[in-house]
Structure formats: C-alpha cells, structure tokens
Amino acid sequence: MVQTKSLSDSADTSLFLSFEFVSNFDIRISDFVNTTIINYIWFRRDFLATLKKLNQKLRVAVIGAGYLGKFHAEKYAEMGDVDLVGVVDINKAQAEAVARKVDTKAYQSYKEILDKVDAVSVVVPTPLHYAVSKEFLENDVDVLIEKPMTPTLAEADQLIQLSEKRGLIIQVGHLERFN
C-alpha cells in the first residue's frame, strides 16, 4: 500500500517535500517543486516553525568544496531560511574560491565549525564520510551525506543508529537519481 504525504513549511518558500511511504519503511522521494539539489533536505517542520518564531535561520555548512560541494553551497546560499555559515575544504584555495562565490567564510577544518551549525552537507571523498558524519552527529548536528553513504554497510548502520539515538536527521543525497 502506498501513501503519499506532502509537507511544506509555508507558502512563501520553495521548500516542499513529497514522500511516498511504502511498506517495510522503504522511503522514496517522488516529486520536487523546484529543481535544486537540496530540495529534499531533511528539514523538520517543527524545527523550522520554531526558527521562524524566533526569526532565526537554519545554520548550515558544506564540508568539501569540490565539484559537488560547490553546488551544495550555491543552493544553500539561495535559500531564504538558511544561513550558510561556511564552506570547508582542506584545500584552502578551493574553500576560499567557493566561499567567495557564495559570500560566506572559508574553513580548512570541519572541527572549526562543529558548534556553529545546525546541519551540514558532507561532500568529501567517500572514505571520509563515516568519520566526518559521525563527529557532526556526536555534536548534535543533522547531516546530509552525498552517496554512497559510507564505504561499508557496518559504518552506515552505525551512523543510522547514532542519529536515531540522538534524535537527529541523517539523509543520503542521491543527486543524479532525482536530477
């Protein structure tokens, strides 16, 4: 049995999500209102409502400023409910170039922003996904990870368990699947 549920934070933003809930908890994103890569971003409706009441934006950062990371940064920079805190890359010149383009700060270490963000996109090489994502989850930060989630199923399971234990959102970005 398939049940469709649409969520939106308000009529004045472009954050609309539509999910198909299928038996055995198989969740597939079925529709996007606008075509940006971050549309399906794991915003919690109650969290956004609270932020709006406080007149605050969701503080996000992009970890990894390579080919895909720059797209994440560009899309976050365009979102009205988001404050792009920074772009992180071990390559200082690359971080600075992307940060300059989207008018934010550049960092060389993700550890510098652990306490400055509510959510991050992890767009580093796959072997680093687990360690980087785990550290953000341990610091109560929601995480969007580019696919593949981790190199091993065991690491993926550990991240899922950690996010569930802490009540956090962990999402895998399937950019090309929904492009």
Foldseek 3Di string as FASTA:
>chain_A
DWDKDKDDLDPPFQQIFIWIQDPPRDIDTDDHPDQQLCNNPPDDNVVLVVCVVVVAAAEEEEEDQPDVSLSVLVVQLPGPRYDHAAYEDLPQVSRVVSCVVSVHYYYDDPVVCLPPGQEYEYDDPQQCLLVVLVSSLVSNHAYEYEPPNHPDPVSVVVSVVSCVVSVHHYHYRPRVVRD
